[in-house]
Amino acid sequence: MHEQFLSRLQQQDEAAVTALAEDHAPALYRYLYCLTHDGEVAADCVQETLLRAYRALPSLAADSALTPWLFTIATNVARNYHRRQQLVRWVRLEWLQLSHQSHEQAVVQQALVGQILQQLPLNYRICLVLHYWRGLSCAEIGAIMGKSEANVRKLLERARERFRTLYESDSSSDKGEYDEH
């Protein structure tokens, strides 16, 4: 079934391409929104991702995994946007536990997370978002980033450590300011 679908995609069959876009566009949008923090930009990036994918369909390998392939394209589109804007903002990471806080504290903490993510190198941010927000494995992230699984594991380890250091430093310096009980 998968091989038949890939074959139809390689031939740029309209129904197959539409199914591909409909199945993946929402996840691509959420991912790109997380990278750009702008709904219009994210929508434009999804369109650019799908357009690039459509153009590349005839040369798609028969054993390709579609999701990592599309997220690779989306990541490259986001990198191009980042290069043009020299700014990538990251938002809401559901993996951060905010449930035991007041709404105000949660908003402050989300802003802090966004500020810290902006301080990290782009590859660190991509690893953290894909792993914790999208739930992708290191192998899947490696396919998206064009890196080995071991390299992604190391990047993720460094990203977590750097994030943790910045987070602890920033949150401890602001703790007294926001703890009003």
C-alpha atoms as a PDB file:
ATOM      1  CA  MET A   1       0.000   0.000   0.000  1.00  0.00           C
ATOM      2  CA  HIS A   2       2.781   2.435   0.982  1.00  0.00           C
ATOM      3  CA  GLU A   3       4.758   1.622  -2.173  1.00  0.00           C
ATOM      4  CA  GLN A   4       1.661   2.150  -4.295  1.00  0.00           C
ATOM      5  CA  PHE A   5       1.007   5.508  -2.638  1.00  0.00           C
ATOM      6  CA  LEU A   6       4.640   6.553  -3.136  1.00  0.00           C
ATOM      7  CA  SER A   7       4.405   5.582  -6.776  1.00  0.00           C
ATOM      8  CA  ARG A   8       1.311   7.744  -7.184  1.00  0.00           C
ATOM      9  CA  LEU A   9       3.123  10.611  -5.460  1.00  0.00           C
ATOM     10  CA  GLN A  10       6.138  10.247  -7.753  1.00  0.00           C
ATOM     11  CA  GLN A  11       3.748  10.598 -10.674  1.00  0.00           C
ATOM     12  CA  GLN A  12       2.290  13.687  -8.990  1.00  0.00           C
ATOM     13  CA  ASP A  13      -1.164  12.113  -8.944  1.00  0.00           C
ATOM     14  CA  GLU A  14      -3.563  14.860  -7.840  1.00  0.00           C
ATOM     15  CA  ALA A  15      -5.502  12.715  -5.360  1.00  0.00           C
ATOM     16  CA  ALA A  16      -2.310  11.371  -3.756  1.00  0.00           C
ATOM     17  CA  VAL A  17      -0.747  14.828  -3.500  1.00  0.00           C
ATOM     18  CA  THR A  18      -3.951  16.224  -1.995  1.00  0.00           C
ATOM     19  CA  ALA A  19      -4.043  13.383   0.545  1.00  0.00           C
ATOM     20  CA  LEU A  20      -0.397  14.011   1.435  1.00  0.00           C
ATOM     21  CA  ALA A  21      -1.035  17.723   1.951  1.00  0.00           C
ATOM     22  CA  GLU A  22      -4.224  17.200   3.952  1.00  0.00           C
ATOM     23  CA  ASP A  23      -2.608  14.574   6.173  1.00  0.00           C
ATOM     24  CA  HIS A  24       0.548  16.539   6.947  1.00  0.00           C
ATOM     25  CA  ALA A  25      -0.348  20.242   6.671  1.00  0.00           C
ATOM     26  CA  PRO A  26      -1.753  20.604  10.216  1.00  0.00           C
ATOM     27  CA  ALA A  27       1.343  19.066  11.859  1.00  0.00           C
ATOM     28  CA  LEU A  28       3.632  21.085   9.573  1.00  0.00           C
ATOM     29  CA  TYR A  29       1.746  24.246  10.480  1.00  0.00           C
ATOM     30  CA  ARG A  30       2.047  23.589  14.234  1.00  0.00           C
ATOM     31  CA  TYR A  31       5.752  22.818  13.853  1.00  0.00           C
ATOM     32  CA  LEU A  32       6.443  25.891  11.737  1.00  0.00           C
ATOM     33  CA  TYR A  33       4.342  28.094  14.004  1.00  0.00           C
ATOM     34  CA  CYS A  34       6.466  26.920  16.892  1.00  0.00           C
ATOM     35  CA  LEU A  35       9.557  27.965  14.946  1.00  0.00           C
ATOM     36  CA  THR A  36       8.268  31.327  13.672  1.00  0.00           C
ATOM     37  CA  HIS A  37       5.674  32.388  16.290  1.00  0.00           C
ATOM     38  CA  ASP A  38       3.663  33.980  13.514  1.00  0.00           C
ATOM     39  CA  GLY A  39       0.552  32.377  12.049  1.00  0.00           C
ATOM     40  CA  GLU A  40       0.840  34.035   8.647  1.00  0.00           C
ATOM     41  CA  VAL A  41       4.526  33.215   8.326  1.00  0.00           C
ATOM     42  CA  ALA A  42       3.863  29.619   9.421  1.00  0.00           C
ATOM     43  CA  ALA A  43       1.100  29.289   6.818  1.00  0.00           C
ATOM     44  CA  ASP A  44       3.420  30.701   4.143  1.00  0.00           C
ATOM     45  CA  CYS A  45       6.142  28.272   5.227  1.00  0.00           C
ATOM     46  CA  VAL A  46       3.698  25.341   5.007  1.00  0.00           C
ATOM     47  CA  GLN A  47       2.799  26.388   1.469  1.00  0.00           C
ATOM     48  CA  GLU A  48       6.485  26.697   0.583  1.00  0.00           C
ATOM     49  CA  THR A  49       7.177  23.291   2.145  1.00  0.00           C
ATOM     50  CA  LEU A  50       4.370  21.628   0.188  1.00  0.00           C
ATOM     51  CA  LEU A  51       5.419  23.368  -3.026  1.00  0.00           C
ATOM     52  CA  ARG A  52       9.016  22.195  -2.627  1.00  0.00           C
ATOM     53  CA  ALA A  53       7.779  18.710  -1.813  1.00  0.00           C
ATOM     54  CA  TYR A  54       5.558  18.686  -4.909  1.00  0.00           C
ATOM     55  CA  ARG A  55       8.482  19.708  -7.106  1.00  0.00           C
ATOM     56  CA  ALA A  56      10.666  16.991  -5.579  1.00  0.00           C
ATOM     57  CA  LEU A  57       8.062  14.197  -5.823  1.00  0.00           C
ATOM     58  CA  PRO A  58       9.276  12.751  -9.146  1.00  0.00           C
ATOM     59  CA  SER A  59      12.705  12.125  -7.604  1.00  0.00           C
ATOM     60  CA  LEU A  60      11.371  10.766  -4.294  1.00  0.00           C
ATOM     61  CA  ALA A  61      13.043   7.471  -3.420  1.00  0.00           C
ATOM     62  CA  ALA A  62      10.777   4.421  -3.332  1.00  0.00           C
ATOM     63  CA  ASP A  63      11.762   3.663   0.270  1.00  0.00           C
ATOM     64  CA  SER A  64      11.233   7.211   1.560  1.00  0.00           C
ATOM     65  CA  ALA A  65       9.541   7.891   4.870  1.00  0.00           C
ATOM     66  CA  LEU A  66       7.189  10.750   4.091  1.00  0.00           C
ATOM     67  CA  THR A  67       6.957  12.443   7.490  1.00  0.00           C
ATOM     68  CA  PRO A  68      10.710  12.885   8.067  1.00  0.00           C
ATOM     69  CA  TRP A  69      11.093  13.939   4.421  1.00  0.00           C
ATOM     70  CA  LEU A  70       8.419  16.643   4.771  1.00  0.00           C
ATOM     71  CA  PHE A  71       9.789  17.825   8.122  1.00  0.00           C
ATOM     72  CA  THR A  72      13.259  18.042   6.561  1.00  0.00           C
ATOM     73  CA  ILE A  73      11.859  20.342   3.912  1.00  0.00           C
ATOM     74  CA  ALA A  74       9.933  22.337   6.550  1.00  0.00           C
ATOM     75  CA  THR A  75      13.067  22.661   8.683  1.00  0.00           C
ATOM     76  CA  ASN A  76      14.997  23.994   5.687  1.00  0.00           C
ATOM     77  CA  VAL A  77      12.193  26.457   4.911  1.00  0.00           C
ATOM     78  CA  ALA A  78      12.282  27.627   8.542  1.00  0.00           C
ATOM     79  CA  ARG A  79      16.071  27.977   8.396  1.00  0.00           C
ATOM     80  CA  ASN A  80      15.730  30.103   5.263  1.00  0.00           C
ATOM     81  CA  TYR A  81      13.137  32.250   7.023  1.00  0.00           C
ATOM     82  CA  HIS A  82      15.454  32.519  10.031  1.00  0.00           C
ATOM     83  CA  ARG A  83      18.346  33.606   7.830  1.00  0.00           C
ATOM     84  CA  ARG A  84      16.164  36.261   6.223  1.00  0.00           C
ATOM     85  CA  GLN A  85      14.714  37.529   9.485  1.00  0.00           C
ATOM     86  CA  GLN A  86      17.605  36.803  11.847  1.00  0.00           C
ATOM     87  CA  LEU A  87      14.896  36.040  14.350  1.00  0.00           C
ATOM     88  CA  VAL A  88      13.136  32.842  15.257  1.00  0.00           C
ATOM     89  CA  ARG A  89      10.804  32.834  18.225  1.00  0.00           C
ATOM     90  CA  TRP A  90       9.604  29.651  19.819  1.00  0.00           C
ATOM     91  CA  VAL A  91       6.415  29.352  21.745  1.00  0.00           C
ATOM     92  CA  ARG A  92       4.500  27.023  23.999  1.00  0.00           C
ATOM     93  CA  LEU A  93       6.221  23.808  24.710  1.00  0.00           C
ATOM     94  CA  GLU A  94       3.654  21.436  26.124  1.00  0.00           C
ATOM     95  CA  TRP A  95       6.379  19.352  27.768  1.00  0.00           C
ATOM     96  CA  LEU A  96       6.953  22.096  30.314  1.00  0.00           C
ATOM     97  CA  GLN A  97       4.761  21.361  33.321  1.00  0.00           C
ATOM     98  CA  LEU A  98       2.725  24.464  34.076  1.00  0.00           C
ATOM     99  CA  SER A  99      -0.337  22.861  35.645  1.00  0.00           C
ATOM    100  CA  HIS A 100       0.444  23.711  39.272  1.00  0.00           C
ATOM    101  CA  GLN A 101       0.805  27.429  38.646  1.00  0.00           C
ATOM    102  CA  SER A 102      -1.542  30.350  38.486  1.00  0.00           C
ATOM    103  CA  HIS A 103      -2.376  31.645  35.034  1.00  0.00           C
ATOM    104  CA  GLU A 104      -0.099  34.634  35.568  1.00  0.00           C
ATOM    105  CA  GLN A 105       2.800  32.430  36.632  1.00  0.00           C
ATOM    106  CA  ALA A 106       2.229  30.145  33.643  1.00  0.00           C
ATOM    107  CA  VAL A 107       2.306  33.092  31.239  1.00  0.00           C
ATOM    108  CA  VAL A 108       5.503  34.407  32.830  1.00  0.00           C
ATOM    109  CA  GLN A 109       7.096  30.966  32.673  1.00  0.00           C
ATOM    110  CA  GLN A 110       6.099  30.474  29.014  1.00  0.00           C
ATOM    111  CA  ALA A 111       7.626  33.840  28.171  1.00  0.00           C
ATOM    112  CA  LEU A 112      10.782  32.821  30.012  1.00  0.00           C
ATOM    113  CA  VAL A 113      10.936  29.526  28.083  1.00  0.00           C
ATOM    114  CA  GLY A 114      10.555  31.429  24.811  1.00  0.00           C
ATOM    115  CA  GLN A 115      13.323  33.847  25.766  1.00  0.00           C
ATOM    116  CA  ILE A 116      15.638  31.019  26.738  1.00  0.00           C
ATOM    117  CA  LEU A 117      14.952  29.105  23.532  1.00  0.00           C
ATOM    118  CA  GLN A 118      15.832  32.221  21.550  1.00  0.00           C
ATOM    119  CA  GLN A 119      19.248  32.239  23.230  1.00  0.00           C
ATOM    120  CA  LEU A 120      20.019  28.699  22.072  1.00  0.00           C
ATOM    121  CA  PRO A 121      21.645  27.888  18.730  1.00  0.00           C
ATOM    122  CA  LEU A 122      19.126  26.987  16.006  1.00  0.00           C
ATOM    123  CA  ASN A 123      20.124  23.287  15.934  1.00  0.00           C
ATOM    124  CA  TYR A 124      19.509  23.030  19.687  1.00  0.00           C
ATOM    125  CA  ARG A 125      16.073  24.627  19.305  1.00  0.00           C
ATOM    126  CA  ILE A 126      15.148  22.323  16.441  1.00  0.00           C
ATOM    127  CA  CYS A 127      16.162  19.253  18.471  1.00  0.00           C
ATOM    128  CA  LEU A 128      14.234  20.342  21.560  1.00  0.00           C
ATOM    129  CA  VAL A 129      11.055  21.229  19.693  1.00  0.00           C
ATOM    130  CA  LEU A 130      11.035  18.121  17.516  1.00  0.00           C
ATOM    131  CA  HIS A 131      11.783  15.823  20.448  1.00  0.00           C
ATOM    132  CA  TYR A 132       9.613  17.298  23.196  1.00  0.00           C
ATOM    133  CA  TRP A 133       6.864  19.015  21.231  1.00  0.00           C
ATOM    134  CA  ARG A 134       6.485  16.640  18.266  1.00  0.00           C
ATOM    135  CA  GLY A 135       7.637  13.536  20.150  1.00  0.00           C
ATOM    136  CA  LEU A 136      10.072  12.450  17.444  1.00  0.00           C
ATOM    137  CA  SER A 137      12.860   9.985  18.114  1.00  0.00           C
ATOM    138  CA  CYS A 138      16.525  10.858  17.650  1.00  0.00           C
ATOM    139  CA  ALA A 139      16.581   8.781  14.461  1.00  0.00           C
ATOM    140  CA  GLU A 140      13.626  10.731  13.036  1.00  0.00           C
ATOM    141  CA  ILE A 141      15.178  14.045  14.027  1.00  0.00           C
ATOM    142  CA  GLY A 142      18.428  12.908  12.419  1.00  0.00           C
ATOM    143  CA  ALA A 143      16.607  12.206   9.165  1.00  0.00           C
ATOM    144  CA  ILE A 144      15.058  15.680   9.284  1.00  0.00           C
ATOM    145  CA  MET A 145      18.294  17.473  10.131  1.00  0.00           C
ATOM    146  CA  GLY A 146      20.591  15.353   7.970  1.00  0.00           C
ATOM    147  CA  LYS A 147      22.562  14.134  10.984  1.00  0.00           C
ATOM    148  CA  SER A 148      23.276  10.740  12.488  1.00  0.00           C
ATOM    149  CA  GLU A 149      21.180   9.446  15.380  1.00  0.00           C
ATOM    150  CA  ALA A 150      24.242   9.610  17.647  1.00  0.00           C
ATOM    151  CA  ASN A 151      24.885  13.209  16.614  1.00  0.00           C
ATOM    152  CA  VAL A 152      21.275  14.126  17.408  1.00  0.00           C
ATOM    153  CA  ARG A 153      21.504  12.419  20.806  1.00  0.00           C
ATOM    154  CA  LYS A 154      24.577  14.509  21.596  1.00  0.00           C
ATOM    155  CA  LEU A 155      22.911  17.703  20.299  1.00  0.00           C
ATOM    156  CA  LEU A 156      19.823  16.967  22.375  1.00  0.00           C
ATOM    157  CA  GLU A 157      21.937  16.315  25.466  1.00  0.00           C
ATOM    158  CA  ARG A 158      23.808  19.588  24.981  1.00  0.00           C
ATOM    159  CA  ALA A 159      20.585  21.459  24.208  1.00  0.00           C
ATOM    160  CA  ARG A 160      18.902  20.153  27.375  1.00  0.00           C
ATOM    161  CA  GLU A 161      21.931  21.027  29.494  1.00  0.00           C
ATOM    162  CA  ARG A 162      22.227  24.523  28.026  1.00  0.00           C
ATOM    163  CA  PHE A 163      18.469  25.097  28.344  1.00  0.00           C
ATOM    164  CA  ARG A 164      18.494  23.835  31.945  1.00  0.00           C
ATOM    165  CA  THR A 165      21.424  26.111  32.858  1.00  0.00           C
ATOM    166  CA  LEU A 166      19.790  29.181  31.317  1.00  0.00           C
ATOM    167  CA  TYR A 167      16.392  28.315  32.766  1.00  0.00           C
ATOM    168  CA  GLU A 168      17.694  27.788  36.287  1.00  0.00           C
ATOM    169  CA  SER A 169      19.731  30.975  36.084  1.00  0.00           C
ATOM    170  CA  ASP A 170      16.813  33.075  34.796  1.00  0.00           C
ATOM    171  CA  SER A 171      14.086  31.537  36.941  1.00  0.00           C
ATOM    172  CA  SER A 172      16.117  31.759  40.162  1.00  0.00           C
ATOM    173  CA  SER A 173      16.924  35.425  39.528  1.00  0.00           C
ATOM    174  CA  ASP A 174      13.207  36.165  38.899  1.00  0.00           C
ATOM    175  CA  LYS A 175      11.763  33.839  41.557  1.00  0.00           C
ATOM    176  CA  GLY A 176      11.273  36.425  44.242  1.00  0.00           C
ATOM    177  CA  GLU A 177       9.597  38.783  41.818  1.00  0.00           C
ATOM    178  CA  TYR A 178       6.785  36.347  40.901  1.00  0.00           C
ATOM    179  CA  ASP A 179       6.231  34.352  44.112  1.00  0.00           C
ATOM    180  CA  GLU A 180       3.354  36.300  45.633  1.00  0.00           C
ATOM    181  CA  HIS A 181       1.288  33.935  47.769  1.00  0.00           C
END
